[in-house]
Protein backbone atom coordinates (compact mmCIF):
# COMPACT_ATOMS: atom_id res chain seq x y z
CA MET A 1 0.21 14.94 24.64
CA ILE A 2 -3.12 12.93 25.12
CA GLY A 3 -5.86 14.39 23.13
CA GLY A 4 -3.50 16.86 21.44
CA GLU A 5 -2.00 17.32 17.86
CA LEU A 6 0.84 14.72 17.18
CA PRO A 7 4.48 15.98 17.08
CA ARG A 8 6.01 16.41 13.69
CA ARG A 9 9.34 15.25 11.94
CA ARG A 10 11.23 16.21 8.95
CA LEU A 11 11.35 14.02 6.41
CA GLY A 12 14.68 13.49 5.23
CA HIS A 13 16.04 15.78 2.41
CA THR A 14 12.13 16.52 1.29
CA GLY A 15 11.54 19.05 3.94
CA ILE A 16 8.15 17.77 3.95
CA SER A 17 6.71 17.84 7.96
CA VAL A 18 4.99 14.63 9.00
CA SER A 19 3.36 13.27 12.04
CA CYS A 20 5.63 11.03 14.19
CA LEU A 21 3.04 8.34 13.57
CA ALA A 22 1.49 6.99 10.37
CA LEU A 23 -1.67 5.15 9.90
CA GLY A 24 -1.59 1.81 7.70
CA GLY A 25 -4.35 0.72 5.87
CA HIS A 26 -4.45 -3.09 6.77
CA GLU A 27 -8.16 -4.15 7.72
CA TYR A 28 -8.76 -7.27 9.91
CA LEU A 29 -10.84 -10.20 10.18
CA PRO A 30 -12.50 -11.66 12.97
CA ASP A 31 -9.98 -14.06 13.75
CA GLY A 32 -7.09 -11.33 13.63
CA GLY A 33 -5.89 -12.22 10.18
CA LEU A 34 -5.48 -9.85 7.37
CA LYS A 35 -8.46 -8.98 5.20
CA GLY A 36 -7.51 -10.02 1.76
CA PHE A 37 -3.94 -11.47 2.37
CA ALA A 38 -5.28 -14.16 4.85
CA ASP A 39 -8.58 -15.25 3.23
CA ASP A 40 -7.90 -14.62 -0.66
CA PHE A 41 -4.45 -14.04 -1.32
CA ASP A 42 -3.67 -14.92 -4.74
CA ASN A 43 -6.35 -12.38 -5.76
CA ALA A 44 -5.63 -9.99 -3.63
CA ILE A 45 -2.17 -8.78 -4.54
CA GLN A 46 -3.35 -8.54 -8.28
CA PRO A 47 -4.31 -5.03 -9.57
CA GLY A 48 -8.16 -4.55 -9.89
CA TYR A 49 -8.95 -6.67 -6.62
CA ARG A 50 -12.29 -5.31 -5.59
CA ARG A 51 -14.20 -6.03 -1.94
CA PRO A 52 -17.23 -4.46 -0.46
CA ASP A 53 -16.17 -5.03 3.04
CA PHE A 54 -13.37 -2.68 3.09
CA GLY A 55 -13.68 0.95 4.47
CA GLY A 56 -16.76 0.53 6.66
CA PRO A 57 -17.84 2.79 9.40
CA GLU A 58 -15.07 1.85 12.06
CA ARG A 59 -12.45 2.20 9.68
CA GLN A 60 -13.90 5.35 8.56
CA GLU A 61 -13.99 6.55 12.06
CA ILE A 62 -10.35 5.68 12.37
CA VAL A 63 -9.21 7.81 9.40
CA ALA A 64 -11.47 10.54 10.64
CA ARG A 65 -9.65 10.41 14.16
CA ALA A 66 -6.31 10.22 12.79
CA LEU A 67 -6.77 13.16 10.78
CA HIS A 68 -8.20 15.20 13.44
CA ARG A 69 -4.83 14.41 15.73
CA GLY A 70 -2.70 15.75 12.78
CA VAL A 71 -1.74 12.35 11.30
CA ASN A 72 -0.84 13.23 7.69
CA TYR A 73 1.12 10.11 6.46
CA PHE A 74 -1.01 7.36 5.26
CA ASP A 75 0.45 3.62 3.87
CA VAL A 76 -1.90 1.50 1.95
CA THR A 77 -0.97 -2.00 0.26
CA ILE A 78 -3.83 -3.76 -1.59
CA ASP A 79 -6.58 -2.05 -3.93
CA PRO A 80 -9.27 -2.35 -1.44
CA GLU A 81 -7.18 -0.47 0.96
CA VAL A 82 -6.37 2.03 -1.50
CA GLU A 83 -10.30 2.64 -2.44
CA ALA A 84 -11.14 2.77 1.16
CA LEU A 85 -8.49 5.34 2.06
CA GLY A 86 -9.10 7.55 -0.68
CA ARG A 87 -12.83 7.49 -0.04
CA GLY A 88 -12.13 8.18 3.88
CA LEU A 89 -9.81 11.24 2.91
CA ARG A 90 -12.42 12.65 0.51
CA GLU A 91 -14.83 12.47 3.46
CA HIS A 92 -12.92 13.58 6.26
CA SER A 93 -10.19 15.97 5.22
CA GLU A 94 -11.88 19.34 5.22
CA GLY A 95 -11.19 21.24 8.64
CA ASN A 96 -8.54 18.31 9.94
CA ALA A 97 -5.54 19.23 11.72
CA ALA A 98 -3.14 17.18 9.28
CA GLY A 99 -2.51 19.77 6.53
CA GLU A 100 -0.74 18.43 3.76
CA VAL A 101 -1.30 14.59 3.53
CA LEU A 102 1.09 12.04 1.82
CA VAL A 103 -0.37 8.67 0.84
CA GLN A 104 1.89 5.82 0.36
CA VAL A 105 0.92 2.99 -2.17
CA ARG A 106 2.43 -0.04 -3.93
CA PRO A 107 2.05 -0.97 -7.64
CA GLN A 108 0.29 -4.33 -7.49
CA GLY A 109 1.93 -7.64 -8.56
CA LEU A 110 5.41 -5.77 -9.35
CA CYS A 111 7.06 -5.77 -6.04
CA TYR A 112 8.50 -8.04 -3.44
CA ARG A 113 8.56 -11.57 -4.45
CA TYR A 114 5.40 -11.35 -6.13
CA ASP A 115 7.34 -10.61 -9.39
CA PRO A 116 10.52 -12.72 -9.02
CA GLY A 117 13.41 -10.50 -9.95
CA ASN A 118 10.85 -7.31 -10.27
CA PRO A 119 11.58 -7.17 -14.06
CA GLY A 120 7.96 -5.77 -14.31
CA LEU A 121 9.16 -2.65 -12.93
CA LEU A 122 11.53 -1.94 -15.74
CA ARG A 123 8.71 -2.83 -18.84
CA PRO A 124 8.13 0.01 -21.11
CA GLY A 125 5.16 1.92 -19.69
CA ARG A 126 4.27 -1.02 -17.07
CA LEU A 127 5.07 1.24 -14.08
CA ARG A 128 3.36 4.28 -15.42
CA ALA A 129 0.22 2.52 -16.19
CA GLU A 130 0.15 1.32 -12.67
CA VAL A 131 0.89 4.65 -11.02
CA LEU A 132 -1.91 6.19 -13.09
CA ARG A 133 -4.26 3.45 -12.12
CA LEU A 134 -3.25 3.83 -8.22
CA ARG A 135 -3.48 7.67 -8.72
CA ASP A 136 -7.11 7.49 -9.90
CA LEU A 137 -8.40 4.68 -7.50
CA LEU A 138 -7.13 7.25 -4.65
CA GLY A 139 -8.77 9.93 -6.54
CA ARG A 140 -5.79 12.27 -5.89
CA ASP A 141 -3.80 14.49 -8.52
CA ALA A 142 -0.47 12.24 -8.17
CA VAL A 143 1.05 9.33 -6.11
CA ASP A 144 2.71 11.10 -3.04
CA VAL A 145 4.88 8.39 -1.90
CA LEU A 146 5.72 5.13 -4.33
CA ASN A 147 6.81 2.15 -2.29
CA LEU A 148 8.85 -0.21 -4.49
CA GLY A 149 9.66 -3.36 -2.47
CA ILE A 150 12.84 -4.39 -4.70
CA GLU A 151 13.95 -8.16 -3.60
CA ARG A 152 17.48 -9.32 -3.72
CA GLU A 153 17.05 -11.49 -6.93
CA ALA A 154 16.74 -8.20 -8.88
CA LEU A 155 20.27 -7.08 -7.82
CA ASP A 156 22.09 -10.35 -7.66
CA PRO A 157 24.42 -10.63 -10.50
CA ALA A 158 23.67 -14.30 -10.71
CA THR A 159 20.23 -13.76 -11.63
CA GLY A 160 19.54 -10.25 -12.05
CA ASN A 161 20.13 -7.41 -14.34
CA SER A 162 23.42 -5.55 -13.69
CA ASP A 163 21.91 -2.13 -14.96
CA TYR A 164 18.62 -2.72 -12.87
CA LEU A 165 18.99 0.52 -10.48
CA THR A 166 20.48 2.49 -13.55
CA MET A 167 17.43 1.53 -15.66
CA LEU A 168 15.04 1.95 -12.70
CA ALA A 169 16.30 5.40 -11.98
CA ASP A 170 15.58 6.41 -15.59
CA VAL A 171 11.88 5.20 -15.24
CA LEU A 172 11.34 7.16 -12.01
CA ALA A 173 12.98 10.45 -13.27
CA GLU A 174 10.13 9.96 -15.98
CA LEU A 175 7.48 9.87 -13.49
CA ARG A 176 8.70 12.70 -11.36
CA ALA A 177 9.25 14.85 -14.41
CA ASP A 178 5.70 14.24 -15.59
CA GLU A 179 4.30 15.09 -11.88
CA LEU A 180 2.87 11.54 -11.41
CA VAL A 181 5.14 10.59 -8.56
CA ARG A 182 6.41 12.72 -5.73
CA LEU A 183 8.59 10.57 -3.75
CA VAL A 184 9.77 7.04 -3.82
CA ALA A 185 10.59 4.81 -1.02
CA CYS A 186 12.81 1.60 -1.33
CA ASP A 187 11.66 -1.38 0.63
CA THR A 188 12.48 -4.99 0.99
CA LEU A 189 10.66 -7.68 2.94
CA PHE A 190 13.12 -10.38 3.50
CA SER A 191 16.34 -9.59 1.69
CA GLY A 192 18.28 -8.12 4.53
CA GLU A 193 21.11 -5.20 5.26
CA ARG A 194 22.82 -5.61 2.17
CA GLN A 195 19.90 -4.81 0.20
CA TYR A 196 19.04 -1.80 1.69
CA VAL A 197 22.72 -0.54 1.38
CA GLU A 198 22.59 -0.99 -2.49
CA LEU A 199 19.08 0.62 -2.71
CA ILE A 200 20.33 3.61 -0.41
CA ARG A 201 23.55 4.35 -2.35
CA SER A 202 21.66 4.15 -5.60
CA GLY A 203 20.48 7.81 -5.46
CA CYS A 204 16.65 6.44 -6.51
CA PHE A 205 14.99 6.98 -3.65
CA ASP A 206 13.80 9.58 -1.08
CA LEU A 207 12.60 7.53 1.68
CA VAL A 208 13.55 4.32 3.54
CA TRP A 209 10.64 1.87 4.62
CA LEU A 210 11.99 -0.92 6.91
CA SER A 211 10.95 -3.06 9.95
CA PHE A 212 12.56 -1.69 13.07
CA GLY A 213 11.44 -2.09 16.93
CA PRO A 214 12.28 -4.13 19.99
CA LEU A 215 12.08 -7.33 17.85
CA SER A 216 13.86 -5.71 14.86
CA PRO A 217 16.57 -3.77 16.13
CA ALA A 218 19.52 -4.56 13.37
CA PRO A 219 18.93 -1.39 11.24
CA ARG A 220 20.10 0.66 13.96
CA GLN A 221 23.68 -0.52 13.14
CA VAL A 222 24.12 0.17 9.36
CA VAL A 223 20.80 0.83 7.42
CA LEU A 224 19.76 3.91 9.78
CA PRO A 225 23.13 5.73 9.68
CA LEU A 226 23.39 5.26 6.09
CA ALA A 227 20.05 6.13 5.42
CA ARG A 228 20.77 9.45 7.82
CA GLU A 229 24.18 10.31 5.78
CA ALA A 230 22.05 10.00 2.28
CA GLY A 231 19.40 12.39 3.39
CA LEU A 232 16.76 9.84 3.39
CA GLY A 233 13.61 10.00 5.42
CA VAL A 234 12.82 6.84 7.31
CA VAL A 235 9.56 5.07 8.05
CA ALA A 236 9.55 2.25 10.55
CA ARG A 237 6.84 -0.60 10.32
CA GLU A 238 6.33 -3.41 12.69
CA ALA A 239 7.54 -1.82 15.58
CA PHE A 240 5.38 -4.32 17.84
CA GLY A 241 5.69 -7.53 15.22
CA LYS A 242 1.74 -7.02 14.41
CA GLY A 243 1.27 -7.82 18.55
CA THR A 244 4.12 -10.50 18.94
CA LEU A 245 5.72 -8.04 21.38
CA PHE A 246 2.62 -8.12 23.57
CA THR A 247 2.27 -11.94 23.33
CA ALA A 248 5.94 -12.26 24.17
CA ALA A 249 5.19 -9.78 27.18
CA ARG A 250 2.14 -11.59 28.57
CA ALA A 251 3.97 -14.91 28.35
CA VAL A 252 6.51 -13.45 31.32
CA GLY A 253 3.86 -11.54 33.03
CA GLN A 254 4.20 -8.18 31.64
CA THR A 255 1.36 -5.84 30.12
């Protein structure tokens, strides 16, 4: 309903009720490029990256409005987004309609193809140190959702570690037992269906984070049914392909 609180959905086996829409943390340059990624990529994906031009008044208004409408799932990527969201939640959470809030973060420099084969996630103490750093940067008691973008090189028998997911499960179990991480999401940017199938079946994860929408319908065939069968929550990103869908529509006279 326009102006009302957003509907809620149960997040897989967690039993947590989340808003049907989440709010991402990207901020944009005047030309539409992603702040940090488009103008300082090599530094932006490293831990400790700082920029004063994140989390300004317009962004804080977006966070405040989202909370007012009941949004309680937030996703941030690079450090300036993490810091800005933590600041916004502290400033605007009191009296909002969202109730319990989940914030998803990613360990910097350890996921996707920024760390080929993703060995850093298994190094003793490395992920724990990063989780503690992100927790403190957010200003929260724990990391609500730790998103791990694990690419195919990590699981490929020819290039990776055959015990990778078993070893990762042990690392994640310790973080959960110490109440540093509540939930873990599996993600992969470019590795496709086979990778998601392995990650879902590993038992390491609570959520699946994937691209899904009119321009990316493939997960409907295998990945989404498998996630449902495993009791995992699903969060879909890129529903509109960062605006590509609207550009394509305009090209054929649709708005």
